[in-house]
């Protein structure tokens, strides 16, 4: 039964016409692009948060240096 199912799947893949193959590829690439876009947005937000944290820490260091002088 498993071999038969696998053979059916393989036969359907090989019987696919060019348009079907391209359509599947386009859908897969669209999903990948959407995932990368979301990840990029999250990373950009993380970067902005880290920049703000760096600025706060730099201010803290300057204040501590001034207090020592």
PDB file of N, CA and C in Angstrom:
ATOM      1  N   UNK A   1       0.816  -1.189   0.000  1.00  0.00           N
ATOM      2  CA  UNK A   1       0.000   0.000   0.000  1.00  0.00           C
ATOM      3  C   UNK A   1       0.861   1.254   0.000  1.00  0.00           C
ATOM      4  N   UNK A   2       1.896   1.259   0.834  1.00  0.00           N
ATOM      5  CA  UNK A   2       2.767   2.427   0.898  1.00  0.00           C
ATOM      6  C   UNK A   2       3.461   2.635  -0.439  1.00  0.00           C
ATOM      7  N   UNK A   3       3.970   1.583  -1.028  1.00  0.00           N
ATOM      8  CA  UNK A   3       4.630   1.704  -2.322  1.00  0.00           C
ATOM      9  C   UNK A   3       3.674   2.225  -3.378  1.00  0.00           C
ATOM     10  N   UNK A   4       2.435   1.756  -3.350  1.00  0.00           N
ATOM     11  CA  UNK A   4       1.443   2.202  -4.319  1.00  0.00           C
ATOM     12  C   UNK A   4       1.185   3.689  -4.160  1.00  0.00           C
ATOM     13  N   UNK A   5       1.036   4.154  -2.937  1.00  0.00           N
ATOM     14  CA  UNK A   5       0.788   5.578  -2.675  1.00  0.00           C
ATOM     15  C   UNK A   5       1.979   6.409  -3.139  1.00  0.00           C
ATOM     16  N   UNK A   6       3.171   5.930  -2.841  1.00  0.00           N
ATOM     17  CA  UNK A   6       4.381   6.640  -3.258  1.00  0.00           C
ATOM     18  C   UNK A   6       4.475   6.683  -4.780  1.00  0.00           C
ATOM     19  N   UNK A   7       4.137   5.599  -5.413  1.00  0.00           N
ATOM     20  CA  UNK A   7       4.167   5.557  -6.878  1.00  0.00           C
ATOM     21  C   UNK A   7       3.157   6.533  -7.465  1.00  0.00           C
ATOM     22  N   UNK A   8       1.987   6.656  -6.820  1.00  0.00           N
ATOM     23  CA  UNK A   8       0.979   7.611  -7.291  1.00  0.00           C
ATOM     24  C   UNK A   8       1.489   9.045  -7.166  1.00  0.00           C
ATOM     25  N   UNK A   9       2.125   9.325  -6.045  1.00  0.00           N
ATOM     26  CA  UNK A   9       2.669  10.667  -5.834  1.00  0.00           C
ATOM     27  C   UNK A   9       3.751  10.970  -6.867  1.00  0.00           C
ATOM     28  N   UNK A  10       4.656  10.038  -7.063  1.00  0.00           N
ATOM     29  CA  UNK A  10       5.731  10.244  -8.031  1.00  0.00           C
ATOM     30  C   UNK A  10       5.172  10.403  -9.441  1.00  0.00           C
ATOM     31  N   UNK A  11       4.154   9.609  -9.774  1.00  0.00           N
ATOM     32  CA  UNK A  11       3.556   9.700 -11.101  1.00  0.00           C
ATOM     33  C   UNK A  11       2.907  11.062 -11.296  1.00  0.00           C
ATOM     34  N   UNK A  12       2.243  11.576 -10.252  1.00  0.00           N
ATOM     35  CA  UNK A  12       1.596  12.890 -10.381  1.00  0.00           C
ATOM     36  C   UNK A  12       2.630  13.999 -10.525  1.00  0.00           C
ATOM     37  N   UNK A  13       3.767  13.843  -9.865  1.00  0.00           N
ATOM     38  CA  UNK A  13       4.829  14.850  -9.986  1.00  0.00           C
ATOM     39  C   UNK A  13       5.396  14.853 -11.403  1.00  0.00           C
ATOM     40  N   UNK A  14       5.637  13.685 -11.928  1.00  0.00           N
ATOM     41  CA  UNK A  14       6.229  13.603 -13.257  1.00  0.00           C
ATOM     42  C   UNK A  14       5.232  13.920 -14.361  1.00  0.00           C
ATOM     43  N   UNK A  15       3.941  13.775 -14.094  1.00  0.00           N
ATOM     44  CA  UNK A  15       2.931  14.087 -15.099  1.00  0.00           C
ATOM     45  C   UNK A  15       2.589  15.571 -15.125  1.00  0.00           C
ATOM     46  N   UNK A  16       3.034  16.301 -14.133  1.00  0.00           N
ATOM     47  CA  UNK A  16       2.707  17.718 -14.051  1.00  0.00           C
ATOM     48  C   UNK A  16       3.245  18.459 -15.271  1.00  0.00           C
ATOM     49  N   UNK A  17       2.412  19.335 -15.795  1.00  0.00           N
ATOM     50  CA  UNK A  17       2.878  20.110 -16.945  1.00  0.00           C
ATOM     51  C   UNK A  17       3.704  21.302 -16.466  1.00  0.00           C
ATOM     52  N   UNK A  18       4.296  21.989 -17.384  1.00  0.00           N
ATOM     53  CA  UNK A  18       5.202  23.092 -17.063  1.00  0.00           C
ATOM     54  C   UNK A  18       4.511  24.161 -16.237  1.00  0.00           C
ATOM     55  N   UNK A  19       3.291  24.487 -16.579  1.00  0.00           N
ATOM     56  CA  UNK A  19       2.573  25.537 -15.851  1.00  0.00           C
ATOM     57  C   UNK A  19       2.352  25.147 -14.392  1.00  0.00           C
ATOM     58  N   UNK A  20       2.018  23.894 -14.144  1.00  0.00           N
ATOM     59  CA  UNK A  20       1.813  23.436 -12.770  1.00  0.00           C
ATOM     60  C   UNK A  20       3.110  23.508 -11.967  1.00  0.00           C
ATOM     61  N   UNK A  21       4.178  23.089 -12.585  1.00  0.00           N
ATOM     62  CA  UNK A  21       5.478  23.120 -11.903  1.00  0.00           C
ATOM     63  C   UNK A  21       5.864  24.559 -11.575  1.00  0.00           C
ATOM     64  N   UNK A  22       5.693  25.445 -12.542  1.00  0.00           N
ATOM     65  CA  UNK A  22       6.026  26.849 -12.308  1.00  0.00           C
ATOM     66  C   UNK A  22       5.105  27.463 -11.256  1.00  0.00           C
ATOM     67  N   UNK A  23       3.843  27.097 -11.276  1.00  0.00           N
ATOM     68  CA  UNK A  23       2.895  27.615 -10.297  1.00  0.00           C
ATOM     69  C   UNK A  23       3.276  27.175  -8.888  1.00  0.00           C
ATOM     70  N   UNK A  24       3.613  25.912  -8.733  1.00  0.00           N
ATOM     71  CA  UNK A  24       4.048  25.408  -7.417  1.00  0.00           C
ATOM     72  C   UNK A  24       5.313  26.115  -6.955  1.00  0.00           C
ATOM     73  N   UNK A  25       6.238  26.289  -7.878  1.00  0.00           N
ATOM     74  CA  UNK A  25       7.484  26.981  -7.539  1.00  0.00           C
ATOM     75  C   UNK A  25       7.234  28.417  -7.130  1.00  0.00           C
ATOM     76  N   UNK A  26       6.334  29.086  -7.841  1.00  0.00           N
ATOM     77  CA  UNK A  26       6.009  30.477  -7.516  1.00  0.00           C
ATOM     78  C   UNK A  26       5.359  30.576  -6.139  1.00  0.00           C
ATOM     79  N   UNK A  27       4.471  29.645  -5.834  1.00  0.00           N
ATOM     80  CA  UNK A  27       3.834  29.649  -4.514  1.00  0.00           C
ATOM     81  C   UNK A  27       4.872  29.425  -3.413  1.00  0.00           C
ATOM     82  N   UNK A  28       5.784  28.502  -3.651  1.00  0.00           N
ATOM     83  CA  UNK A  28       6.826  28.226  -2.656  1.00  0.00           C
ATOM     84  C   UNK A  28       7.727  29.446  -2.465  1.00  0.00           C
ATOM     85  N   UNK A  29       8.095  30.096  -3.554  1.00  0.00           N
ATOM     86  CA  UNK A  29       8.953  31.279  -3.468  1.00  0.00           C
ATOM     87  C   UNK A  29       8.228  32.436  -2.783  1.00  0.00           C
ATOM     88  N   UNK A  30       6.931  32.555  -3.029  1.00  0.00           N
ATOM     89  CA  UNK A  30       6.146  33.605  -2.386  1.00  0.00           C
ATOM     90  C   UNK A  30       6.109  33.391  -0.873  1.00  0.00           C
ATOM     91  N   UNK A  31       5.896  32.145  -0.444  1.00  0.00           N
ATOM     92  CA  UNK A  31       5.898  31.846   0.984  1.00  0.00           C
ATOM     93  C   UNK A  31       7.255  32.150   1.601  1.00  0.00           C
ATOM     94  N   UNK A  32       8.322  31.775   0.901  1.00  0.00           N
ATOM     95  CA  UNK A  32       9.669  32.026   1.406  1.00  0.00           C
ATOM     96  C   UNK A  32       9.931  33.525   1.506  1.00  0.00           C
ATOM     97  N   UNK A  33       9.508  34.263   0.501  1.00  0.00           N
ATOM     98  CA  UNK A  33       9.705  35.718   0.489  1.00  0.00           C
ATOM     99  C   UNK A  33       8.924  36.378   1.633  1.00  0.00           C
ATOM    100  N   UNK A  34       7.692  35.937   1.840  1.00  0.00           N
ATOM    101  CA  UNK A  34       6.880  36.477   2.932  1.00  0.00           C
ATOM    102  C   UNK A  34       7.535  36.204   4.287  1.00  0.00           C
ATOM    103  N   UNK A  35       8.049  35.003   4.452  1.00  0.00           N
ATOM    104  CA  UNK A  35       8.714  34.648   5.712  1.00  0.00           C
ATOM    105  C   UNK A  35       9.954  35.509   5.925  1.00  0.00           C
ATOM    106  N   UNK A  36      10.727  35.722   4.876  1.00  0.00           N
ATOM    107  CA  UNK A  36      11.937  36.548   4.991  1.00  0.00           C
ATOM    108  C   UNK A  36      11.582  38.007   5.266  1.00  0.00           C
ATOM    109  N   UNK A  37      10.499  38.483   4.669  1.00  0.00           N
ATOM    110  CA  UNK A  37      10.061  39.857   4.908  1.00  0.00           C
ATOM    111  C   UNK A  37       9.681  40.049   6.365  1.00  0.00           C
ATOM    112  N   UNK A  38       8.927  39.097   6.925  1.00  0.00           N
ATOM    113  CA  UNK A  38       8.542  39.176   8.339  1.00  0.00           C
ATOM    114  C   UNK A  38       9.764  39.114   9.241  1.00  0.00           C
ATOM    115  N   UNK A  39      10.692  38.231   8.902  1.00  0.00           N
ATOM    116  CA  UNK A  39      11.905  38.113   9.708  1.00  0.00           C
ATOM    117  C   UNK A  39      12.727  39.401   9.631  1.00  0.00           C
ATOM    118  N   UNK A  40      12.798  39.994   8.465  1.00  0.00           N
ATOM    119  CA  UNK A  40      13.546  41.236   8.288  1.00  0.00           C
ATOM    120  C   UNK A  40      12.919  42.364   9.100  1.00  0.00           C
ATOM    121  N   UNK A  41      11.588  42.434   9.109  1.00  0.00           N
ATOM    122  CA  UNK A  41      10.903  43.458   9.893  1.00  0.00           C
ATOM    123  C   UNK A  41      11.217  43.286  11.379  1.00  0.00           C
ATOM    124  N   UNK A  42      11.187  42.042  11.849  1.00  0.00           N
ATOM    125  CA  UNK A  42      11.487  41.778  13.255  1.00  0.00           C
ATOM    126  C   UNK A  42      12.929  42.155  13.583  1.00  0.00           C
ATOM    127  N   UNK A  43      13.842  41.801  12.703  1.00  0.00           N
ATOM    128  CA  UNK A  43      15.250  42.133  12.948  1.00  0.00           C
ATOM    129  C   UNK A  43      15.466  43.644  12.955  1.00  0.00           C
ATOM    130  N   UNK A  44      14.778  44.365  12.070  1.00  0.00           N
ATOM    131  CA  UNK A  44      14.900  45.829  12.063  1.00  0.00           C
ATOM    132  C   UNK A  44      14.384  46.428  13.361  1.00  0.00           C
ATOM    133  N   UNK A  45      13.281  45.875  13.897  1.00  0.00           N
ATOM    134  CA  UNK A  45      12.770  46.342  15.188  1.00  0.00           C
ATOM    135  C   UNK A  45      13.778  46.047  16.288  1.00  0.00           C
ATOM    136  N   UNK A  46      14.369  44.857  16.236  1.00  0.00           N
ATOM    137  CA  UNK A  46      15.387  44.499  17.226  1.00  0.00           C
ATOM    138  C   UNK A  46      16.574  45.457  17.157  1.00  0.00           C
ATOM    139  N   UNK A  47      16.982  45.809  15.957  1.00  0.00           N
ATOM    140  CA  UNK A  47      18.106  46.737  15.772  1.00  0.00           C
ATOM    141  C   UNK A  47      17.783  48.092  16.384  1.00  0.00           C
ATOM    142  N   UNK A  48      16.566  48.590  16.135  1.00  0.00           N
ATOM    143  CA  UNK A  48      16.175  49.883  16.697  1.00  0.00           C
ATOM    144  C   UNK A  48      16.178  49.829  18.221  1.00  0.00           C
ATOM    145  N   UNK A  49      15.699  48.724  18.780  1.00  0.00           N
ATOM    146  CA  UNK A  49      15.722  48.566  20.231  1.00  0.00           C
ATOM    147  C   UNK A  49      17.137  48.530  20.774  1.00  0.00           C
ATOM    148  N   UNK A  50      18.023  47.851  20.083  1.00  0.00           N
ATOM    149  CA  UNK A  50      19.424  47.786  20.515  1.00  0.00           C
ATOM    150  C   UNK A  50      20.112  49.145  20.401  1.00  0.00           C
ATOM    151  N   UNK A  51      19.788  49.902  19.368  1.00  0.00           N
ATOM    152  CA  UNK A  51      20.357  51.250  19.239  1.00  0.00           C
ATOM    153  C   UNK A  51      19.930  52.130  20.404  1.00  0.00           C
ATOM    154  N   UNK A  52      18.656  52.018  20.784  1.00  0.00           N
ATOM    155  CA  UNK A  52      18.161  52.799  21.923  1.00  0.00           C
ATOM    156  C   UNK A  52      18.854  52.367  23.209  1.00  0.00           C
ATOM    157  N   UNK A  53      19.064  51.069  23.370  1.00  0.00           N
ATOM    158  CA  UNK A  53      19.736  50.565  24.564  1.00  0.00           C
ATOM    159  C   UNK A  53      21.179  51.054  24.617  1.00  0.00           C
ATOM    160  N   UNK A  54      21.854  51.051  23.486  1.00  0.00           N
ATOM    161  CA  UNK A  54      23.234  51.548  23.427  1.00  0.00           C
ATOM    162  C   UNK A  54      23.281  53.012  23.831  1.00  0.00           C
ATOM    163  N   UNK A  55      22.346  53.797  23.321  1.00  0.00           N
ATOM    164  CA  UNK A  55      22.312  55.222  23.650  1.00  0.00           C
ATOM    165  C   UNK A  55      22.116  55.417  25.158  1.00  0.00           C
ATOM    166  N   UNK A  56      21.201  54.639  25.762  1.00  0.00           N
ATOM    167  CA  UNK A  56      20.972  54.752  27.211  1.00  0.00           C
ATOM    168  C   UNK A  56      22.224  54.369  27.990  1.00  0.00           C
ATOM    169  N   UNK A  57      22.884  53.297  27.564  1.00  0.00           N
ATOM    170  CA  UNK A  57      24.092  52.857  28.263  1.00  0.00           C
ATOM    171  C   UNK A  57      25.230  53.863  28.113  1.00  0.00           C
ATOM    172  N   UNK A  58      25.332  54.471  26.932  1.00  0.00           N
ATOM    173  CA  UNK A  58      26.361  55.494  26.740  1.00  0.00           C
ATOM    174  C   UNK A  58      26.105  56.688  27.652  1.00  0.00           C
ATOM    175  N   UNK A  59      24.833  57.081  27.765  1.00  0.00           N
ATOM    176  CA  UNK A  59      24.491  58.183  28.673  1.00  0.00           C
ATOM    177  C   UNK A  59      24.835  57.819  30.112  1.00  0.00           C
ATOM    178  N   UNK A  60      24.538  56.588  30.495  1.00  0.00           N
ATOM    179  CA  UNK A  60      24.829  56.123  31.850  1.00  0.00           C
ATOM    180  C   UNK A  60      26.326  56.168  32.130  1.00  0.00           C
ATOM    181  N   UNK A  61      27.120  55.742  31.160  1.00  0.00           N
ATOM    182  CA  UNK A  61      28.580  55.765  31.323  1.00  0.00           C
ATOM    183  C   UNK A  61      29.071  57.197  31.464  1.00  0.00           C
ATOM    184  N   UNK A  62      28.535  58.105  30.639  1.00  0.00           N
ATOM    185  CA  UNK A  62      28.948  59.510  30.729  1.00  0.00           C
ATOM    186  C   UNK A  62      28.591  60.109  32.084  1.00  0.00           C
ATOM    187  N   UNK A  63      27.415  59.783  32.590  1.00  0.00           N
ATOM    188  CA  UNK A  63      26.997  60.294  33.898  1.00  0.00           C
ATOM    189  C   UNK A  63      27.916  59.758  34.986  1.00  0.00           C
ATOM    190  N   UNK A  64      28.251  58.482  34.914  1.00  0.00           N
ATOM    191  CA  UNK A  64      29.133  57.892  35.932  1.00  0.00           C
ATOM    192  C   UNK A  64      30.527  58.511  35.853  1.00  0.00           C
ATOM    193  N   UNK A  65      31.004  58.809  34.650  1.00  0.00           N
ATOM    194  CA  UNK A  65      32.316  59.430  34.505  1.00  0.00           C
ATOM    195  C   UNK A  65      32.308  60.844  35.099  1.00  0.00           C
ATOM    196  N   UNK A  66      31.230  61.570  34.866  1.00  0.00           N
ATOM    197  CA  UNK A  66      31.114  62.927  35.396  1.00  0.00           C
ATOM    198  C   UNK A  66      31.063  62.909  36.929  1.00  0.00           C
ATOM    199  N   UNK A  67      30.391  61.898  37.488  1.00  0.00           N
ATOM    200  CA  UNK A  67      30.293  61.796  38.944  1.00  0.00           C
ATOM    201  C   UNK A  67      31.653  61.504  39.566  1.00  0.00           C
ATOM    202  N   UNK A  68      32.513  60.811  38.864  1.00  0.00           N
ATOM    203  CA  UNK A  68      33.841  60.470  39.383  1.00  0.00           C
ATOM    204  C   UNK A  68      34.783  61.661  39.338  1.00  0.00           C
ATOM    205  N   UNK A  69      34.514  62.582  38.464  1.00  0.00           N
ATOM    206  CA  UNK A  69      35.438  63.722  38.313  1.00  0.00           C
ATOM    207  C   UNK A  69      35.225  64.764  39.322  1.00  0.00           C
TER     208      UNK A  69
END
